[in-house]
């Protein structure tokens, strides 16, 4: 007899304008039953429906928590899910202030807090800071296409057990900003820059000549081993604290050569040790 697959519940929340509706559309494509803007007060009742009806095996619902007084009710609602034996994950969508301003300007929508947009975003960040801290996964959508967001969410679905951690290794360029969803950030600008070698300038860290150039530099092998070992040592501690996802960001100047090769190498090494790892090169196509 085949073992029944345990249902999955994803709670999608985060900053206004960060892409919650787009994320729910991705979950619909994955075959999830989706509910947008579910009031916090209805989570317990909805939880009971999920428990009773088998066709609610995989559910994703979007929640907006823009007033501080709702946070306590939200935490209590999560307790209800837990007491019912329902496995859930909270995904928090974030984006840079500049991108949020641009998105509201393009859509001509008012911010839900109904204030000056700059003040509204600042207030919303303050209100949601505790929720962001408690989320299982934070996704920075500032530079993501819908397809890339779907790929990241798809990776989140691969998490099979609460004791299993999903790792994301991201390369980035400091000139374009540090990813907002980074948990660990490593600056690899201590290595010589292939960008100044004419034969390597137009290649990337995924091309063999760039990899050979970096691999043969002093300190590279020692660094790669020690940093990979450090991550391995930290993972049990993060899992003990209830963290299911960890985003490791590797940065260089432009995000095209050094950070790409090292992020790829770290992802490859962690995969060999049996960890579930996804790899993403945010700025590799930028000039």
Protein backbone atom coordinates (compact mmCIF):
# COMPACT_ATOMS: atom_id res chain seq x y z
CA UNK A 1 0.00 0.00 0.00
CA UNK A 2 1.40 3.37 -0.95
CA UNK A 3 2.00 5.85 1.83
CA UNK A 4 -0.24 8.93 1.75
CA UNK A 5 1.53 12.14 0.93
CA UNK A 6 1.31 14.66 3.75
CA UNK A 7 -0.43 17.87 2.79
CA UNK A 8 1.44 21.14 2.51
CA UNK A 9 0.27 24.57 3.63
CA UNK A 10 2.08 27.73 2.58
CA UNK A 11 1.23 31.12 4.04
CA UNK A 12 2.29 33.92 1.69
CA UNK A 13 2.77 37.37 3.18
CA UNK A 14 5.21 40.29 3.06
CA UNK A 15 5.56 43.85 1.85
CA UNK A 16 2.86 45.41 -0.28
CA UNK A 17 4.07 45.47 -3.88
CA UNK A 18 6.54 42.63 -3.35
CA UNK A 19 4.56 40.13 -5.46
CA UNK A 20 2.22 38.20 -3.19
CA UNK A 21 -0.44 37.84 -5.90
CA UNK A 22 2.15 36.62 -8.40
CA UNK A 23 3.41 34.07 -5.87
CA UNK A 24 -0.12 32.73 -5.34
CA UNK A 25 -0.51 32.36 -9.11
CA UNK A 26 2.65 30.24 -9.09
CA UNK A 27 1.16 28.03 -6.38
CA UNK A 28 -2.01 27.67 -8.46
CA UNK A 29 0.16 26.41 -11.31
CA UNK A 30 1.66 23.88 -8.88
CA UNK A 31 -1.85 22.55 -8.20
CA UNK A 32 -2.44 24.24 -4.85
CA UNK A 33 -5.82 25.46 -3.63
CA UNK A 34 -5.19 29.20 -3.17
CA UNK A 35 -7.00 31.85 -1.13
CA UNK A 36 -5.94 35.49 -1.34
CA UNK A 37 -6.34 38.06 1.45
CA UNK A 38 -7.64 35.56 3.99
CA UNK A 39 -8.51 37.49 7.20
CA UNK A 40 -6.36 36.42 10.13
CA UNK A 41 -9.49 35.77 12.20
CA UNK A 42 -10.62 33.11 9.69
CA UNK A 43 -7.41 31.05 9.77
CA UNK A 44 -8.65 28.74 12.60
CA UNK A 45 -11.94 27.98 10.77
CA UNK A 46 -10.14 27.45 7.49
CA UNK A 47 -7.69 25.19 9.27
CA UNK A 48 -10.54 22.97 10.41
CA UNK A 49 -11.77 22.69 6.81
CA UNK A 50 -8.29 21.70 5.68
CA UNK A 51 -8.19 19.02 8.36
CA UNK A 52 -11.61 17.58 7.48
CA UNK A 53 -11.62 17.69 3.67
CA UNK A 54 -9.05 15.60 1.84
CA UNK A 55 -9.17 17.69 -1.38
CA UNK A 56 -7.46 20.47 0.61
CA UNK A 57 -4.20 18.49 0.54
CA UNK A 58 -2.06 21.37 -0.68
CA UNK A 59 -3.13 24.90 0.23
CA UNK A 60 -1.57 28.34 -0.12
CA UNK A 61 -3.17 31.46 1.21
CA UNK A 62 -2.12 35.08 1.11
CA UNK A 63 -2.35 37.20 4.21
CA UNK A 64 -1.79 40.92 4.68
CA UNK A 65 -0.79 41.96 8.17
CA UNK A 66 -0.42 45.71 8.07
CA UNK A 67 -1.47 46.65 11.57
CA UNK A 68 0.49 45.67 14.65
CA UNK A 69 -2.57 44.45 16.55
CA UNK A 70 -3.06 41.64 14.01
CA UNK A 71 0.33 40.07 14.73
CA UNK A 72 -0.73 38.47 18.02
CA UNK A 73 -3.81 37.00 16.33
CA UNK A 74 -1.66 35.67 13.51
CA UNK A 75 0.68 33.89 15.92
CA UNK A 76 -2.33 32.39 17.73
CA UNK A 77 -3.69 31.20 14.37
CA UNK A 78 -0.40 29.44 13.62
CA UNK A 79 -0.73 27.71 16.98
CA UNK A 80 -4.12 26.42 15.81
CA UNK A 81 -2.54 24.94 12.69
CA UNK A 82 0.12 23.29 14.81
CA UNK A 83 -2.37 21.84 17.29
CA UNK A 84 -4.36 20.36 14.41
CA UNK A 85 -1.23 18.60 13.23
CA UNK A 86 -1.04 20.63 10.02
CA UNK A 87 2.40 21.28 8.56
CA UNK A 88 2.82 24.88 7.38
CA UNK A 89 5.53 27.17 6.10
CA UNK A 90 5.49 30.99 6.08
CA UNK A 91 7.00 32.69 3.03
CA UNK A 92 7.73 36.41 3.32
CA UNK A 93 8.11 38.39 0.08
CA UNK A 94 10.29 41.48 0.24
CA UNK A 95 11.62 44.02 -2.22
CA UNK A 96 13.80 47.11 -2.15
CA UNK A 97 12.11 50.43 -1.40
CA UNK A 98 13.04 51.77 -4.85
CA UNK A 99 11.37 48.83 -6.62
CA UNK A 100 8.24 49.08 -4.45
CA UNK A 101 7.99 52.82 -5.22
CA UNK A 102 8.32 52.06 -8.93
CA UNK A 103 5.69 49.32 -8.88
CA UNK A 104 3.13 51.52 -7.13
CA UNK A 105 3.92 54.34 -9.54
CA UNK A 106 3.41 52.10 -12.59
CA UNK A 107 0.14 50.61 -11.35
CA UNK A 108 -1.10 53.91 -9.87
CA UNK A 109 -2.45 51.99 -6.91
CA UNK A 110 -2.49 53.56 -3.47
CA UNK A 111 -0.48 51.88 -0.76
CA UNK A 112 -2.80 49.96 1.59
CA UNK A 113 -1.72 52.11 4.53
CA UNK A 114 -3.09 55.11 2.63
CA UNK A 115 -0.18 57.43 3.35
CA UNK A 116 2.63 59.09 1.47
CA UNK A 117 4.32 56.16 -0.26
CA UNK A 118 7.73 56.76 1.34
CA UNK A 119 6.24 56.97 4.84
CA UNK A 120 3.89 54.06 4.18
CA UNK A 121 6.70 51.69 3.14
CA UNK A 122 8.78 52.71 6.14
CA UNK A 123 5.86 52.10 8.52
CA UNK A 124 5.01 48.77 6.89
CA UNK A 125 8.60 47.55 7.27
CA UNK A 126 8.46 48.39 10.96
CA UNK A 127 5.10 46.64 11.42
CA UNK A 128 6.22 43.51 9.57
CA UNK A 129 9.75 43.25 10.96
CA UNK A 130 8.84 40.65 13.60
CA UNK A 131 6.86 38.59 11.10
CA UNK A 132 9.78 38.65 8.65
CA UNK A 133 12.05 37.39 11.40
CA UNK A 134 9.72 34.44 12.10
CA UNK A 135 9.19 33.48 8.44
CA UNK A 136 10.55 30.15 7.21
CA UNK A 137 11.67 31.69 3.94
CA UNK A 138 12.29 35.30 2.83
CA UNK A 139 12.37 35.96 -0.92
CA UNK A 140 13.71 39.20 -2.37
CA UNK A 141 11.69 39.84 -5.54
CA UNK A 142 13.44 43.11 -6.47
CA UNK A 143 15.21 41.68 -9.51
CA UNK A 144 13.20 38.50 -10.12
CA UNK A 145 11.15 37.74 -13.20
CA UNK A 146 7.94 35.77 -12.70
CA UNK A 147 9.70 32.70 -14.06
CA UNK A 148 12.57 33.07 -11.57
CA UNK A 149 10.11 33.55 -8.68
CA UNK A 150 8.34 30.38 -9.75
CA UNK A 151 11.64 28.51 -9.82
CA UNK A 152 12.50 29.62 -6.27
CA UNK A 153 9.04 28.68 -5.00
CA UNK A 154 9.35 25.34 -6.74
CA UNK A 155 12.54 24.75 -4.81
CA UNK A 156 10.72 25.52 -1.57
CA UNK A 157 8.20 22.78 -2.35
CA UNK A 158 10.97 20.18 -2.35
CA UNK A 159 11.32 20.46 1.42
CA UNK A 160 10.16 17.05 2.65
CA UNK A 161 10.63 17.14 6.43
CA UNK A 162 10.91 19.82 9.09
CA UNK A 163 14.36 18.43 9.94
CA UNK A 164 15.52 18.89 6.36
CA UNK A 165 16.93 22.22 5.25
CA UNK A 166 16.66 23.73 1.79
CA UNK A 167 19.75 25.73 0.82
CA UNK A 168 19.87 28.49 -1.78
CA UNK A 169 23.26 29.73 -2.98
CA UNK A 170 23.09 33.08 -4.78
CA UNK A 171 25.83 35.04 -6.50
CA UNK A 172 25.49 38.82 -6.74
CA UNK A 173 27.35 42.04 -7.53
CA UNK A 174 27.87 44.57 -4.75
CA UNK A 175 27.36 47.37 -7.27
CA UNK A 176 23.74 46.18 -7.60
CA UNK A 177 23.10 45.72 -3.88
CA UNK A 178 23.08 42.82 -1.41
CA UNK A 179 20.07 40.47 -1.79
CA UNK A 180 17.45 41.28 0.86
CA UNK A 181 16.76 37.61 1.55
CA UNK A 182 20.38 36.68 2.28
CA UNK A 183 20.99 34.90 5.59
CA UNK A 184 24.75 34.53 5.15
CA UNK A 185 26.80 36.96 3.03
CA UNK A 186 30.36 36.34 1.90
CA UNK A 187 32.48 38.96 0.13
CA UNK A 188 34.94 37.30 -2.29
CA UNK A 189 36.49 40.50 -3.61
CA UNK A 190 39.76 39.42 -1.92
CA UNK A 191 40.40 37.31 -5.03
CA UNK A 192 41.95 38.84 -8.20
CA UNK A 193 39.27 40.08 -10.60
CA UNK A 194 39.08 38.21 -13.97
CA UNK A 195 37.30 41.26 -15.39
CA UNK A 196 40.74 42.87 -15.88
CA UNK A 197 41.97 39.98 -18.03
CA UNK A 198 41.01 40.75 -21.63
CA UNK A 199 40.43 37.10 -22.57
CA UNK A 200 38.12 36.58 -19.56
CA UNK A 201 36.28 39.90 -19.41
CA UNK A 202 33.33 38.78 -21.53
CA UNK A 203 33.09 35.32 -19.97
CA UNK A 204 31.39 34.34 -16.70
CA UNK A 205 32.23 32.26 -13.67
CA UNK A 206 30.47 29.33 -15.31
CA UNK A 207 33.01 29.28 -18.14
CA UNK A 208 35.97 26.95 -17.61
CA UNK A 209 38.75 29.52 -18.32
CA UNK A 210 37.42 31.80 -15.57
CA UNK A 211 37.13 28.87 -13.19
CA UNK A 212 40.71 27.77 -13.94
CA UNK A 213 41.96 31.33 -13.37
CA UNK A 214 40.30 31.60 -9.94
CA UNK A 215 41.02 28.02 -8.90
CA UNK A 216 44.78 28.54 -9.30
CA UNK A 217 44.93 31.66 -7.14
CA UNK A 218 46.51 31.53 -3.66
CA UNK A 219 44.09 30.95 -0.76
CA UNK A 220 41.20 29.84 -2.98
CA UNK A 221 41.23 26.14 -2.05
CA UNK A 222 41.73 26.89 1.65
CA UNK A 223 38.91 29.42 1.60
CA UNK A 224 36.46 27.17 -0.26
CA UNK A 225 37.01 24.26 2.12
CA UNK A 226 36.90 26.31 5.31
CA UNK A 227 33.77 28.24 4.28
CA UNK A 228 31.94 25.10 3.13
CA UNK A 229 32.86 23.39 6.42
CA UNK A 230 31.63 26.42 8.36
CA UNK A 231 28.25 26.25 6.62
CA UNK A 232 28.00 22.50 7.33
CA UNK A 233 28.73 23.14 11.03
CA UNK A 234 26.11 25.89 11.23
CA UNK A 235 23.25 23.97 9.57
CA UNK A 236 22.35 21.80 12.59
CA UNK A 237 22.18 24.95 14.72
CA UNK A 238 19.84 26.69 12.26
CA UNK A 239 17.65 23.57 12.07
CA UNK A 240 17.53 23.41 15.88
CA UNK A 241 16.20 26.98 15.89
CA UNK A 242 13.43 25.94 13.48
CA UNK A 243 14.86 27.40 10.27
CA UNK A 244 13.95 25.36 7.18
CA UNK A 245 15.54 27.50 4.48
CA UNK A 246 18.93 29.17 4.33
CA UNK A 247 20.08 31.62 1.65
CA UNK A 248 23.84 31.95 1.20
CA UNK A 249 24.86 34.99 -0.86
CA UNK A 250 28.30 35.25 -2.45
CA UNK A 251 29.28 38.70 -3.71
CA UNK A 252 31.95 40.27 -5.88
CA UNK A 253 32.05 43.63 -7.64
CA UNK A 254 29.84 42.94 -10.67
CA UNK A 255 28.41 39.51 -9.88
CA UNK A 256 29.68 37.95 -13.09
CA UNK A 257 33.00 36.18 -12.43
CA UNK A 258 34.33 35.46 -8.92
CA UNK A 259 31.01 35.25 -7.05
CA UNK A 260 29.49 33.06 -9.79
CA UNK A 261 32.32 30.54 -9.78
CA UNK A 262 32.52 30.35 -5.99
CA UNK A 263 28.72 30.15 -5.52
CA UNK A 264 28.67 27.32 -8.07
CA UNK A 265 31.55 25.56 -6.29
CA UNK A 266 29.90 25.88 -2.86
CA UNK A 267 26.55 24.63 -4.20
CA UNK A 268 28.32 21.70 -5.85
CA UNK A 269 30.21 20.80 -2.65
CA UNK A 270 27.12 21.02 -0.43
CA UNK A 271 25.17 18.85 -2.88
CA UNK A 272 27.88 16.19 -2.63
CA UNK A 273 27.31 16.11 1.12
CA UNK A 274 23.63 15.29 0.53
CA UNK A 275 22.07 18.71 1.14
CA UNK A 276 19.17 19.99 -0.96
CA UNK A 277 20.68 22.96 -2.82
CA UNK A 278 19.48 25.40 -5.46
CA UNK A 279 21.82 27.75 -7.33
CA UNK A 280 20.98 31.18 -8.72
CA UNK A 281 23.21 33.83 -10.33
CA UNK A 282 21.36 37.10 -9.95
CA UNK A 283 23.60 39.53 -11.84
CA UNK A 284 25.43 37.26 -14.28
CA UNK A 285 23.76 38.80 -17.35
CA UNK A 286 24.37 42.43 -16.39
CA UNK A 287 26.93 44.45 -18.30
